[in-house]
Amino acid sequence: MSPDALHRTVLVVDAEQFSGRKNLEQRNVRNAVYVALAHALGSHWSACHRKDRGDGVFLLAPADFPKQLFVERIRLRWRCTLGKFCSTRTARPACRSTTRSGCSTRRR
């Protein structure tokens, strides 16, 4: 293992059937996913590295971020917030998420 490798937690979120939606629905779905994730992460949101994947988000937590927080609280809070956010809108995304943790290094 590289000496600069850090143990990191990754959360990947994907909106199902995204490409089959119209532009306005796609924007609403993406907004819902981001609002729900930001709410679920609270003050930790700004510390996480995020990559927009169009129909989803790739989120890399800081090395000192406890992975149990993702497993026990954040995914649950995200799903609850997403459900509440979408209950008043026509575009209701079905989303998948997965959490993994392991060592990562920065590309040079």
PDB file of N, CA and C in Angstrom:
ATOM      1  N   MET A   1       0.847  -1.170   0.000  1.00  0.00           N
ATOM      2  CA  MET A   1       0.000   0.000   0.000  1.00  0.00           C
ATOM      3  C   MET A   1       0.895   1.237   0.000  1.00  0.00           C
ATOM      4  N   SER A   2       0.491   2.236  -0.746  1.00  0.00           N
ATOM      5  CA  SER A   2       1.231   3.488  -0.854  1.00  0.00           C
ATOM      6  C   SER A   2       1.242   4.210   0.490  1.00  0.00           C
ATOM      7  N   PRO A   3       2.353   4.876   0.834  1.00  0.00           N
ATOM      8  CA  PRO A   3       2.412   5.574   2.122  1.00  0.00           C
ATOM      9  C   PRO A   3       1.434   6.747   2.230  1.00  0.00           C
ATOM     10  N   ASP A   4       0.995   7.278   1.095  1.00  0.00           N
ATOM     11  CA  ASP A   4       0.042   8.392   1.157  1.00  0.00           C
ATOM     12  C   ASP A   4      -1.411   7.934   1.005  1.00  0.00           C
ATOM     13  N   ALA A   5      -1.645   6.639   1.072  1.00  0.00           N
ATOM     14  CA  ALA A   5      -3.009   6.112   0.987  1.00  0.00           C
ATOM     15  C   ALA A   5      -3.758   6.408   2.275  1.00  0.00           C
ATOM     16  N   LEU A   6      -5.029   6.799   2.117  1.00  0.00           N
ATOM     17  CA  LEU A   6      -5.885   7.093   3.256  1.00  0.00           C
ATOM     18  C   LEU A   6      -7.136   6.236   3.189  1.00  0.00           C
ATOM     19  N   HIS A   7      -7.619   5.835   4.352  1.00  0.00           N
ATOM     20  CA  HIS A   7      -8.865   5.081   4.410  1.00  0.00           C
ATOM     21  C   HIS A   7     -10.008   6.076   4.242  1.00  0.00           C
ATOM     22  N   ARG A   8     -10.824   5.909   3.202  1.00  0.00           N
ATOM     23  CA  ARG A   8     -11.885   6.848   2.888  1.00  0.00           C
ATOM     24  C   ARG A   8     -13.209   6.107   2.735  1.00  0.00           C
ATOM     25  N   THR A   9     -14.296   6.830   2.929  1.00  0.00           N
ATOM     26  CA  THR A   9     -15.638   6.303   2.711  1.00  0.00           C
ATOM     27  C   THR A   9     -16.213   6.948   1.467  1.00  0.00           C
ATOM     28  N   VAL A  10     -16.830   6.119   0.629  1.00  0.00           N
ATOM     29  CA  VAL A  10     -17.409   6.573  -0.633  1.00  0.00           C
ATOM     30  C   VAL A  10     -18.904   6.292  -0.602  1.00  0.00           C
ATOM     31  N   LEU A  11     -19.682   7.270  -1.045  1.00  0.00           N
ATOM     32  CA  LEU A  11     -21.119   7.090  -1.223  1.00  0.00           C
ATOM     33  C   LEU A  11     -21.433   7.394  -2.680  1.00  0.00           C
ATOM     34  N   VAL A  12     -22.103   6.476  -3.331  1.00  0.00           N
ATOM     35  CA  VAL A  12     -22.521   6.669  -4.714  1.00  0.00           C
ATOM     36  C   VAL A  12     -24.042   6.613  -4.750  1.00  0.00           C
ATOM     37  N   VAL A  13     -24.636   7.630  -5.379  1.00  0.00           N
ATOM     38  CA  VAL A  13     -26.083   7.729  -5.504  1.00  0.00           C
ATOM     39  C   VAL A  13     -26.422   7.804  -6.983  1.00  0.00           C
ATOM     40  N   ASP A  14     -27.447   7.081  -7.381  1.00  0.00           N
ATOM     41  CA  ASP A  14     -27.841   7.020  -8.784  1.00  0.00           C
ATOM     42  C   ASP A  14     -29.359   7.119  -8.882  1.00  0.00           C
ATOM     43  N   ALA A  15     -29.846   8.003  -9.765  1.00  0.00           N
ATOM     44  CA  ALA A  15     -31.283   8.117 -10.006  1.00  0.00           C
ATOM     45  C   ALA A  15     -31.660   7.158 -11.131  1.00  0.00           C
ATOM     46  N   GLU A  16     -32.570   6.259 -10.856  1.00  0.00           N
ATOM     47  CA  GLU A  16     -32.993   5.277 -11.854  1.00  0.00           C
ATOM     48  C   GLU A  16     -33.820   5.940 -12.951  1.00  0.00           C
ATOM     49  N   GLN A  17     -33.727   5.391 -14.147  1.00  0.00           N
ATOM     50  CA  GLN A  17     -34.497   5.822 -15.321  1.00  0.00           C
ATOM     51  C   GLN A  17     -34.340   7.316 -15.593  1.00  0.00           C
ATOM     52  N   PHE A  18     -33.149   7.823 -15.361  1.00  0.00           N
ATOM     53  CA  PHE A  18     -32.891   9.249 -15.510  1.00  0.00           C
ATOM     54  C   PHE A  18     -32.958   9.694 -16.972  1.00  0.00           C
ATOM     55  N   SER A  19     -32.353   8.936 -17.861  1.00  0.00           N
ATOM     56  CA  SER A  19     -32.299   9.362 -19.267  1.00  0.00           C
ATOM     57  C   SER A  19     -33.661   9.311 -19.944  1.00  0.00           C
ATOM     58  N   GLY A  20     -34.612   8.589 -19.390  1.00  0.00           N
ATOM     59  CA  GLY A  20     -35.949   8.520 -19.961  1.00  0.00           C
ATOM     60  C   GLY A  20     -36.841   9.685 -19.561  1.00  0.00           C
ATOM     61  N   ARG A  21     -36.306  10.614 -18.769  1.00  0.00           N
ATOM     62  CA  ARG A  21     -37.083  11.757 -18.301  1.00  0.00           C
ATOM     63  C   ARG A  21     -36.842  12.972 -19.198  1.00  0.00           C
ATOM     64  N   LYS A  22     -37.786  13.886 -19.176  1.00  0.00           N
ATOM     65  CA  LYS A  22     -37.636  15.144 -19.906  1.00  0.00           C
ATOM     66  C   LYS A  22     -36.661  16.047 -19.140  1.00  0.00           C
ATOM     67  N   ASN A  23     -36.138  17.073 -19.832  1.00  0.00           N
ATOM     68  CA  ASN A  23     -35.138  17.966 -19.232  1.00  0.00           C
ATOM     69  C   ASN A  23     -35.568  18.548 -17.895  1.00  0.00           C
ATOM     70  N   LEU A  24     -36.774  19.064 -17.815  1.00  0.00           N
ATOM     71  CA  LEU A  24     -37.253  19.669 -16.572  1.00  0.00           C
ATOM     72  C   LEU A  24     -37.291  18.634 -15.449  1.00  0.00           C
ATOM     73  N   GLU A  25     -37.759  17.435 -15.757  1.00  0.00           N
ATOM     74  CA  GLU A  25     -37.790  16.370 -14.745  1.00  0.00           C
ATOM     75  C   GLU A  25     -36.375  15.995 -14.312  1.00  0.00           C
ATOM     76  N   GLN A  26     -35.440  15.933 -15.265  1.00  0.00           N
ATOM     77  CA  GLN A  26     -34.055  15.613 -14.918  1.00  0.00           C
ATOM     78  C   GLN A  26     -33.480  16.654 -13.959  1.00  0.00           C
ATOM     79  N   ARG A  27     -33.735  17.928 -14.229  1.00  0.00           N
ATOM     80  CA  ARG A  27     -33.252  18.992 -13.331  1.00  0.00           C
ATOM     81  C   ARG A  27     -33.875  18.860 -11.951  1.00  0.00           C
ATOM     82  N   ASN A  28     -35.162  18.565 -11.906  1.00  0.00           N
ATOM     83  CA  ASN A  28     -35.846  18.401 -10.613  1.00  0.00           C
ATOM     84  C   ASN A  28     -35.298  17.208  -9.834  1.00  0.00           C
ATOM     85  N   VAL A  29     -35.028  16.120 -10.523  1.00  0.00           N
ATOM     86  CA  VAL A  29     -34.475  14.924  -9.871  1.00  0.00           C
ATOM     87  C   VAL A  29     -33.080  15.230  -9.328  1.00  0.00           C
ATOM     88  N   ARG A  30     -32.228  15.840 -10.151  1.00  0.00           N
ATOM     89  CA  ARG A  30     -30.871  16.184  -9.689  1.00  0.00           C
ATOM     90  C   ARG A  30     -30.930  17.126  -8.496  1.00  0.00           C
ATOM     91  N   ASN A  31     -31.807  18.108  -8.555  1.00  0.00           N
ATOM     92  CA  ASN A  31     -31.953  19.035  -7.440  1.00  0.00           C
ATOM     93  C   ASN A  31     -32.387  18.295  -6.180  1.00  0.00           C
ATOM     94  N   ALA A  32     -33.346  17.399  -6.315  1.00  0.00           N
ATOM     95  CA  ALA A  32     -33.837  16.631  -5.161  1.00  0.00           C
ATOM     96  C   ALA A  32     -32.719  15.803  -4.538  1.00  0.00           C
ATOM     97  N   VAL A  33     -31.913  15.155  -5.363  1.00  0.00           N
ATOM     98  CA  VAL A  33     -30.811  14.324  -4.863  1.00  0.00           C
ATOM     99  C   VAL A  33     -29.811  15.190  -4.101  1.00  0.00           C
ATOM    100  N   TYR A  34     -29.431  16.331  -4.672  1.00  0.00           N
ATOM    101  CA  TYR A  34     -28.454  17.205  -4.022  1.00  0.00           C
ATOM    102  C   TYR A  34     -28.992  17.835  -2.741  1.00  0.00           C
ATOM    103  N   VAL A  35     -30.232  18.292  -2.765  1.00  0.00           N
ATOM    104  CA  VAL A  35     -30.835  18.882  -1.557  1.00  0.00           C
ATOM    105  C   VAL A  35     -30.887  17.844  -0.442  1.00  0.00           C
ATOM    106  N   ALA A  36     -31.305  16.631  -0.780  1.00  0.00           N
ATOM    107  CA  ALA A  36     -31.415  15.568   0.227  1.00  0.00           C
ATOM    108  C   ALA A  36     -30.047  15.185   0.784  1.00  0.00           C
ATOM    109  N   LEU A  37     -29.039  15.085  -0.083  1.00  0.00           N
ATOM    110  CA  LEU A  37     -27.692  14.748   0.399  1.00  0.00           C
ATOM    111  C   LEU A  37     -27.126  15.852   1.287  1.00  0.00           C
ATOM    112  N   ALA A  38     -27.285  17.100   0.861  1.00  0.00           N
ATOM    113  CA  ALA A  38     -26.775  18.218   1.662  1.00  0.00           C
ATOM    114  C   ALA A  38     -27.449  18.251   3.034  1.00  0.00           C
ATOM    115  N   HIS A  39     -28.740  17.996   3.065  1.00  0.00           N
ATOM    116  CA  HIS A  39     -29.460  17.976   4.342  1.00  0.00           C
ATOM    117  C   HIS A  39     -28.991  16.804   5.209  1.00  0.00           C
ATOM    118  N   ALA A  40     -28.840  15.646   4.602  1.00  0.00           N
ATOM    119  CA  ALA A  40     -28.430  14.460   5.363  1.00  0.00           C
ATOM    120  C   ALA A  40     -27.021  14.615   5.939  1.00  0.00           C
ATOM    121  N   LEU A  41     -26.127  15.244   5.185  1.00  0.00           N
ATOM    122  CA  LEU A  41     -24.751  15.419   5.650  1.00  0.00           C
ATOM    123  C   LEU A  41     -24.593  16.613   6.584  1.00  0.00           C
ATOM    124  N   GLY A  42     -25.521  17.550   6.519  1.00  0.00           N
ATOM    125  CA  GLY A  42     -25.455  18.722   7.391  1.00  0.00           C
ATOM    126  C   GLY A  42     -24.153  19.473   7.220  1.00  0.00           C
ATOM    127  N   SER A  43     -23.483  19.755   8.320  1.00  0.00           N
ATOM    128  CA  SER A  43     -22.247  20.532   8.284  1.00  0.00           C
ATOM    129  C   SER A  43     -21.098  19.783   7.615  1.00  0.00           C
ATOM    130  N   HIS A  44     -21.228  18.492   7.420  1.00  0.00           N
ATOM    131  CA  HIS A  44     -20.173  17.690   6.776  1.00  0.00           C
ATOM    132  C   HIS A  44     -20.191  17.828   5.250  1.00  0.00           C
ATOM    133  N   TRP A  45     -21.283  18.371   4.682  1.00  0.00           N
ATOM    134  CA  TRP A  45     -21.445  18.479   3.228  1.00  0.00           C
ATOM    135  C   TRP A  45     -20.245  19.160   2.567  1.00  0.00           C
ATOM    136  N   SER A  46     -19.812  20.281   3.108  1.00  0.00           N
ATOM    137  CA  SER A  46     -18.735  21.043   2.472  1.00  0.00           C
ATOM    138  C   SER A  46     -17.383  20.346   2.571  1.00  0.00           C
ATOM    139  N   ALA A  47     -17.210  19.427   3.513  1.00  0.00           N
ATOM    140  CA  ALA A  47     -15.939  18.723   3.667  1.00  0.00           C
ATOM    141  C   ALA A  47     -15.791  17.549   2.698  1.00  0.00           C
ATOM    142  N   CYS A  48     -16.880  17.132   2.086  1.00  0.00           N
ATOM    143  CA  CYS A  48     -16.850  15.984   1.180  1.00  0.00           C
ATOM    144  C   CYS A  48     -16.540  16.421  -0.248  1.00  0.00           C
ATOM    145  N   HIS A  49     -15.727  15.630  -0.914  1.00  0.00           N
ATOM    146  CA  HIS A  49     -15.425  15.857  -2.325  1.00  0.00           C
ATOM    147  C   HIS A  49     -16.550  15.218  -3.135  1.00  0.00           C
ATOM    148  N   ARG A  50     -17.126  15.985  -4.070  1.00  0.00           N
ATOM    149  CA  ARG A  50     -18.262  15.486  -4.847  1.00  0.00           C
ATOM    150  C   ARG A  50     -17.970  15.555  -6.334  1.00  0.00           C
ATOM    151  N   LYS A  51     -18.430  14.555  -7.057  1.00  0.00           N
ATOM    152  CA  LYS A  51     -18.379  14.548  -8.513  1.00  0.00           C
ATOM    153  C   LYS A  51     -19.784  14.315  -9.024  1.00  0.00           C
ATOM    154  N   ASP A  52     -20.244  15.230  -9.843  1.00  0.00           N
ATOM    155  CA  ASP A  52     -21.561  15.076 -10.449  1.00  0.00           C
ATOM    156  C   ASP A  52     -21.449  14.059 -11.576  1.00  0.00           C
ATOM    157  N   ARG A  53     -22.321  13.080 -11.591  1.00  0.00           N
ATOM    158  CA  ARG A  53     -22.288  12.047 -12.617  1.00  0.00           C
ATOM    159  C   ARG A  53     -23.500  12.160 -13.537  1.00  0.00           C
ATOM    160  N   GLY A  54     -24.151  13.303 -13.574  1.00  0.00           N
ATOM    161  CA  GLY A  54     -25.319  13.487 -14.426  1.00  0.00           C
ATOM    162  C   GLY A  54     -26.565  12.922 -13.776  1.00  0.00           C
ATOM    163  N   ASP A  55     -26.634  11.608 -13.721  1.00  0.00           N
ATOM    164  CA  ASP A  55     -27.787  10.959 -13.103  1.00  0.00           C
ATOM    165  C   ASP A  55     -27.516  10.552 -11.663  1.00  0.00           C
ATOM    166  N   GLY A  56     -26.407  11.022 -11.123  1.00  0.00           N
ATOM    167  CA  GLY A  56     -26.077  10.663  -9.750  1.00  0.00           C
ATOM    168  C   GLY A  56     -24.911  11.468  -9.214  1.00  0.00           C
ATOM    169  N   VAL A  57     -24.444  11.063  -8.053  1.00  0.00           N
ATOM    170  CA  VAL A  57     -23.366  11.760  -7.358  1.00  0.00           C
ATOM    171  C   VAL A  57     -22.386  10.737  -6.812  1.00  0.00           C
ATOM    172  N   PHE A  58     -21.105  11.034  -6.962  1.00  0.00           N
ATOM    173  CA  PHE A  58     -20.029  10.271  -6.349  1.00  0.00           C
ATOM    174  C   PHE A  58     -19.474  11.150  -5.242  1.00  0.00           C
ATOM    175  N   LEU A  59     -19.534  10.694  -4.000  1.00  0.00           N
ATOM    176  CA  LEU A  59     -19.140  11.502  -2.853  1.00  0.00           C
ATOM    177  C   LEU A  59     -18.030  10.799  -2.091  1.00  0.00           C
ATOM    178  N   LEU A  60     -16.932  11.500  -1.860  1.00  0.00           N
ATOM    179  CA  LEU A  60     -15.782  10.962  -1.141  1.00  0.00           C
ATOM    180  C   LEU A  60     -15.628  11.734   0.164  1.00  0.00           C
ATOM    181  N   ALA A  61     -15.777  11.038   1.266  1.00  0.00           N
ATOM    182  CA  ALA A  61     -15.703  11.678   2.581  1.00  0.00           C
ATOM    183  C   ALA A  61     -14.245  11.847   3.004  1.00  0.00           C
ATOM    184  N   PRO A  62     -13.970  12.840   3.845  1.00  0.00           N
ATOM    185  CA  PRO A  62     -12.613  13.009   4.367  1.00  0.00           C
ATOM    186  C   PRO A  62     -12.169  11.762   5.145  1.00  0.00           C
ATOM    187  N   ALA A  63     -10.870  11.583   5.242  1.00  0.00           N
ATOM    188  CA  ALA A  63     -10.320  10.392   5.903  1.00  0.00           C
ATOM    189  C   ALA A  63     -10.754  10.283   7.361  1.00  0.00           C
ATOM    190  N   ASP A  64     -10.957  11.403   8.038  1.00  0.00           N
ATOM    191  CA  ASP A  64     -11.329  11.359   9.455  1.00  0.00           C
ATOM    192  C   ASP A  64     -12.834  11.255   9.684  1.00  0.00           C
ATOM    193  N   PHE A  65     -13.590  11.136   8.617  1.00  0.00           N
ATOM    194  CA  PHE A  65     -15.051  11.038   8.710  1.00  0.00           C
ATOM    195  C   PHE A  65     -15.424   9.599   9.071  1.00  0.00           C
ATOM    196  N   PRO A  66     -16.138   9.374  10.162  1.00  0.00           N
ATOM    197  CA  PRO A  66     -16.460   8.005  10.585  1.00  0.00           C
ATOM    198  C   PRO A  66     -17.392   7.299   9.592  1.00  0.00           C
ATOM    199  N   LYS A  67     -16.974   6.132   9.109  1.00  0.00           N
ATOM    200  CA  LYS A  67     -17.801   5.424   8.128  1.00  0.00           C
ATOM    201  C   LYS A  67     -19.125   4.965   8.726  1.00  0.00           C
ATOM    202  N   GLN A  68     -19.168   4.737  10.020  1.00  0.00           N
ATOM    203  CA  GLN A  68     -20.414   4.331  10.660  1.00  0.00           C
ATOM    204  C   GLN A  68     -21.491   5.400  10.510  1.00  0.00           C
ATOM    205  N   LEU A  69     -21.075   6.660  10.413  1.00  0.00           N
ATOM    206  CA  LEU A  69     -22.022   7.748  10.223  1.00  0.00           C
ATOM    207  C   LEU A  69     -22.767   7.569   8.904  1.00  0.00           C
ATOM    208  N   PHE A  70     -22.051   7.167   7.859  1.00  0.00           N
ATOM    209  CA  PHE A  70     -22.698   6.902   6.574  1.00  0.00           C
ATOM    210  C   PHE A  70     -23.646   5.724   6.682  1.00  0.00           C
ATOM    211  N   VAL A  71     -23.155   4.661   7.247  1.00  0.00           N
ATOM    212  CA  VAL A  71     -23.918   3.418   7.291  1.00  0.00           C
ATOM    213  C   VAL A  71     -25.159   3.552   8.161  1.00  0.00           C
ATOM    214  N   GLU A  72     -25.027   4.153   9.314  1.00  0.00           N
ATOM    215  CA  GLU A  72     -26.127   4.174  10.275  1.00  0.00           C
ATOM    216  C   GLU A  72     -27.064   5.367  10.130  1.00  0.00           C
ATOM    217  N   ARG A  73     -26.539   6.533   9.721  1.00  0.00           N
ATOM    218  CA  ARG A  73     -27.388   7.717   9.747  1.00  0.00           C
ATOM    219  C   ARG A  73     -27.594   8.395   8.406  1.00  0.00           C
ATOM    220  N   ILE A  74     -26.536   8.639   7.683  1.00  0.00           N
ATOM    221  CA  ILE A  74     -26.647   9.496   6.505  1.00  0.00           C
ATOM    222  C   ILE A  74     -27.504   8.881   5.418  1.00  0.00           C
ATOM    223  N   ARG A  75     -27.322   7.611   5.102  1.00  0.00           N
ATOM    224  CA  ARG A  75     -28.143   7.000   4.053  1.00  0.00           C
ATOM    225  C   ARG A  75     -29.616   7.010   4.443  1.00  0.00           C
ATOM    226  N   LEU A  76     -29.909   6.755   5.698  1.00  0.00           N
ATOM    227  CA  LEU A  76     -31.298   6.783   6.161  1.00  0.00           C
ATOM    228  C   LEU A  76     -31.864   8.202   6.101  1.00  0.00           C
ATOM    229  N   ARG A  77     -31.098   9.171   6.600  1.00  0.00           N
ATOM    230  CA  ARG A  77     -31.555  10.568   6.554  1.00  0.00           C
ATOM    231  C   ARG A  77     -31.747  11.033   5.115  1.00  0.00           C
ATOM    232  N   TRP A  78     -30.842  10.606   4.222  1.00  0.00           N
ATOM    233  CA  TRP A  78     -30.947  10.993   2.815  1.00  0.00           C
ATOM    234  C   TRP A  78     -32.243  10.465   2.213  1.00  0.00           C
ATOM    235  N   ARG A  79     -32.537   9.199   2.436  1.00  0.00           N
ATOM    236  CA  ARG A  79     -33.762   8.613   1.877  1.00  0.00           C
ATOM    237  C   ARG A  79     -35.018   9.284   2.446  1.00  0.00           C
ATOM    238  N   CYS A  80     -35.036   9.558   3.740  1.00  0.00           N
ATOM    239  CA  CYS A  80     -36.192  10.224   4.355  1.00  0.00           C
ATOM    240  C   CYS A  80     -36.366  11.635   3.789  1.00  0.00           C
ATOM    241  N   THR A  81     -35.279  12.368   3.682  1.00  0.00           N
ATOM    242  CA  THR A  81     -35.344  13.736   3.153  1.00  0.00           C
ATOM    243  C   THR A  81     -35.763  13.727   1.695  1.00  0.00           C
ATOM    244  N   LEU A  82     -35.225  12.803   0.917  1.00  0.00           N
ATOM    245  CA  LEU A  82     -35.585  12.697  -0.496  1.00  0.00           C
ATOM    246  C   LEU A  82     -37.078  12.408  -0.640  1.00  0.00           C
ATOM    247  N   GLY A  83     -37.594  11.524   0.187  1.00  0.00           N
ATOM    248  CA  GLY A  83     -39.025  11.206   0.149  1.00  0.00           C
ATOM    249  C   GLY A  83     -39.890  12.405   0.470  1.00  0.00           C
ATOM    250  N   LYS A  84     -39.508  13.171   1.493  1.00  0.00           N
ATOM    251  CA  LYS A  84     -40.274  14.367   1.864  1.00  0.00           C
ATOM    252  C   LYS A  84     -40.192  15.430   0.779  1.00  0.00           C
ATOM    253  N   PHE A  85     -39.005  15.628   0.216  1.00  0.00           N
ATOM    254  CA  PHE A  85     -38.807  16.630  -0.820  1.00  0.00           C
ATOM    255  C   PHE A  85     -39.638  16.300  -2.056  1.00  0.00           C
ATOM    256  N   CYS A  86     -39.688  15.042  -2.404  1.00  0.00           N
ATOM    257  CA  CYS A  86     -40.366  14.631  -3.635  1.00  0.00           C
ATOM    258  C   CYS A  86     -41.867  14.434  -3.476  1.00  0.00           C
ATOM    259  N   SER A  87     -42.347  14.384  -2.266  1.00  0.00           N
ATOM    260  CA  SER A  87     -43.780  14.138  -2.061  1.00  0.00           C
ATOM    261  C   SER A  87     -44.640  15.280  -2.593  1.00  0.00           C
ATOM    262  N   THR A  88     -44.053  16.454  -2.759  1.00  0.00           N
ATOM    263  CA  THR A  88     -44.812  17.603  -3.247  1.00  0.00           C
ATOM    264  C   THR A  88     -44.504  17.918  -4.714  1.00  0.00           C
ATOM    265  N   ARG A  89     -43.772  17.048  -5.396  1.00  0.00           N
ATOM    266  CA  ARG A  89     -43.375  17.294  -6.781  1.00  0.00           C
ATOM    267  C   ARG A  89     -43.804  16.145  -7.678  1.00  0.00           C
ATOM    268  N   THR A  90     -43.881  16.439  -8.969  1.00  0.00           N
ATOM    269  CA  THR A  90     -44.298  15.393  -9.914  1.00  0.00           C
ATOM    270  C   THR A  90     -43.170  14.433 -10.239  1.00  0.00           C
ATOM    271  N   ALA A  91     -41.925  14.911 -10.284  1.00  0.00           N
ATOM    272  CA  ALA A  91     -40.788  14.036 -10.590  1.00  0.00           C
ATOM    273  C   ALA A  91     -40.312  13.379  -9.298  1.00  0.00           C
ATOM    274  N   ARG A  92     -40.638  12.125  -9.141  1.00  0.00           N
ATOM    275  CA  ARG A  92     -40.247  11.390  -7.937  1.00  0.00           C
ATOM    276  C   ARG A  92     -39.213  10.345  -8.312  1.00  0.00           C
ATOM    277  N   PRO A  93     -37.958  10.605  -7.999  1.00  0.00           N
ATOM    278  CA  PRO A  93     -36.924   9.673  -8.418  1.00  0.00           C
ATOM    279  C   PRO A  93     -36.874   8.420  -7.559  1.00  0.00           C
ATOM    280  N   ALA A  94     -36.661   7.310  -8.226  1.00  0.00           N
ATOM    281  CA  ALA A  94     -36.294   6.091  -7.520  1.00  0.00           C
ATOM    282  C   ALA A  94     -34.775   6.083  -7.553  1.00  0.00           C
ATOM    283  N   CYS A  95     -34.159   6.051  -6.403  1.00  0.00           N
ATOM    284  CA  CYS A  95     -32.702   6.154  -6.339  1.00  0.00           C
ATOM    285  C   CYS A  95     -32.092   4.931  -5.689  1.00  0.00           C
ATOM    286  N   ARG A  96     -30.868   4.675  -6.125  1.00  0.00           N
ATOM    287  CA  ARG A  96     -30.072   3.606  -5.524  1.00  0.00           C
ATOM    288  C   ARG A  96     -28.863   4.255  -4.884  1.00  0.00           C
ATOM    289  N   SER A  97     -28.359   3.628  -3.847  1.00  0.00           N
ATOM    290  CA  SER A  97     -27.126   4.139  -3.242  1.00  0.00           C
ATOM    291  C   SER A  97     -26.310   2.963  -2.717  1.00  0.00           C
ATOM    292  N   THR A  98     -25.020   3.188  -2.652  1.00  0.00           N
ATOM    293  CA  THR A  98     -24.138   2.188  -2.070  1.00  0.00           C
ATOM    294  C   THR A  98     -23.029   2.912  -1.320  1.00  0.00           C
ATOM    295  N   THR A  99     -22.548   2.294  -0.282  1.00  0.00           N
ATOM    296  CA  THR A  99     -21.464   2.859   0.515  1.00  0.00           C
ATOM    297  C   THR A  99     -20.339   1.834   0.591  1.00  0.00           C
ATOM    298  N   ARG A 100     -19.131   2.307   0.360  1.00  0.00           N
ATOM    299  CA  ARG A 100     -17.949   1.458   0.447  1.00  0.00           C
ATOM    300  C   ARG A 100     -16.875   2.217   1.207  1.00  0.00           C
ATOM    301  N   SER A 101     -15.944   1.518   1.765  1.00  0.00           N
ATOM    302  CA  SER A 101     -14.795   2.185   2.381  1.00  0.00           C
ATOM    303  C   SER A 101     -13.550   1.377   2.083  1.00  0.00           C
ATOM    304  N   GLY A 102     -12.448   2.078   1.997  1.00  0.00           N
ATOM    305  CA  GLY A 102     -11.181   1.434   1.709  1.00  0.00           C
ATOM    306  C   GLY A 102     -10.106   2.486   1.483  1.00  0.00           C
ATOM    307  N   CYS A 103      -8.933   2.044   1.111  1.00  0.00           N
ATOM    308  CA  CYS A 103      -7.817   2.959   0.910  1.00  0.00           C
ATOM    309  C   CYS A 103      -7.871   3.605  -0.466  1.00  0.00           C
ATOM    310  N   SER A 104      -7.520   4.866  -0.512  1.00  0.00           N
ATOM    311  CA  SER A 104      -7.440   5.578  -1.774  1.00  0.00           C
ATOM    312  C   SER A 104      -6.235   6.500  -1.762  1.00  0.00           C
ATOM    313  N   THR A 105      -5.744   6.792  -2.940  1.00  0.00           N
ATOM    314  CA  THR A 105      -4.636   7.725  -3.101  1.00  0.00           C
ATOM    315  C   THR A 105      -5.045   8.779  -4.114  1.00  0.00           C
ATOM    316  N   ARG A 106      -4.375   9.894  -4.104  1.00  0.00           N
ATOM    317  CA  ARG A 106      -4.629  10.943  -5.083  1.00  0.00           C
ATOM    318  C   ARG A 106      -3.850  10.628  -6.348  1.00  0.00           C
ATOM    319  N   ARG A 107      -4.474  10.908  -7.483  1.00  0.00           N
ATOM    320  CA  ARG A 107      -3.759  10.789  -8.749  1.00  0.00           C
ATOM    321  C   ARG A 107      -2.845  11.993  -8.892  1.00  0.00           C
ATOM    322  N   ARG A 108      -1.727  11.754  -9.476  1.00  0.00           N
ATOM    323  CA  ARG A 108      -0.772  12.870  -9.674  1.00  0.00           C
ATOM    324  C   ARG A 108      -0.825  13.348 -11.090  1.00  0.00           C
TER     325      ARG A 108
END
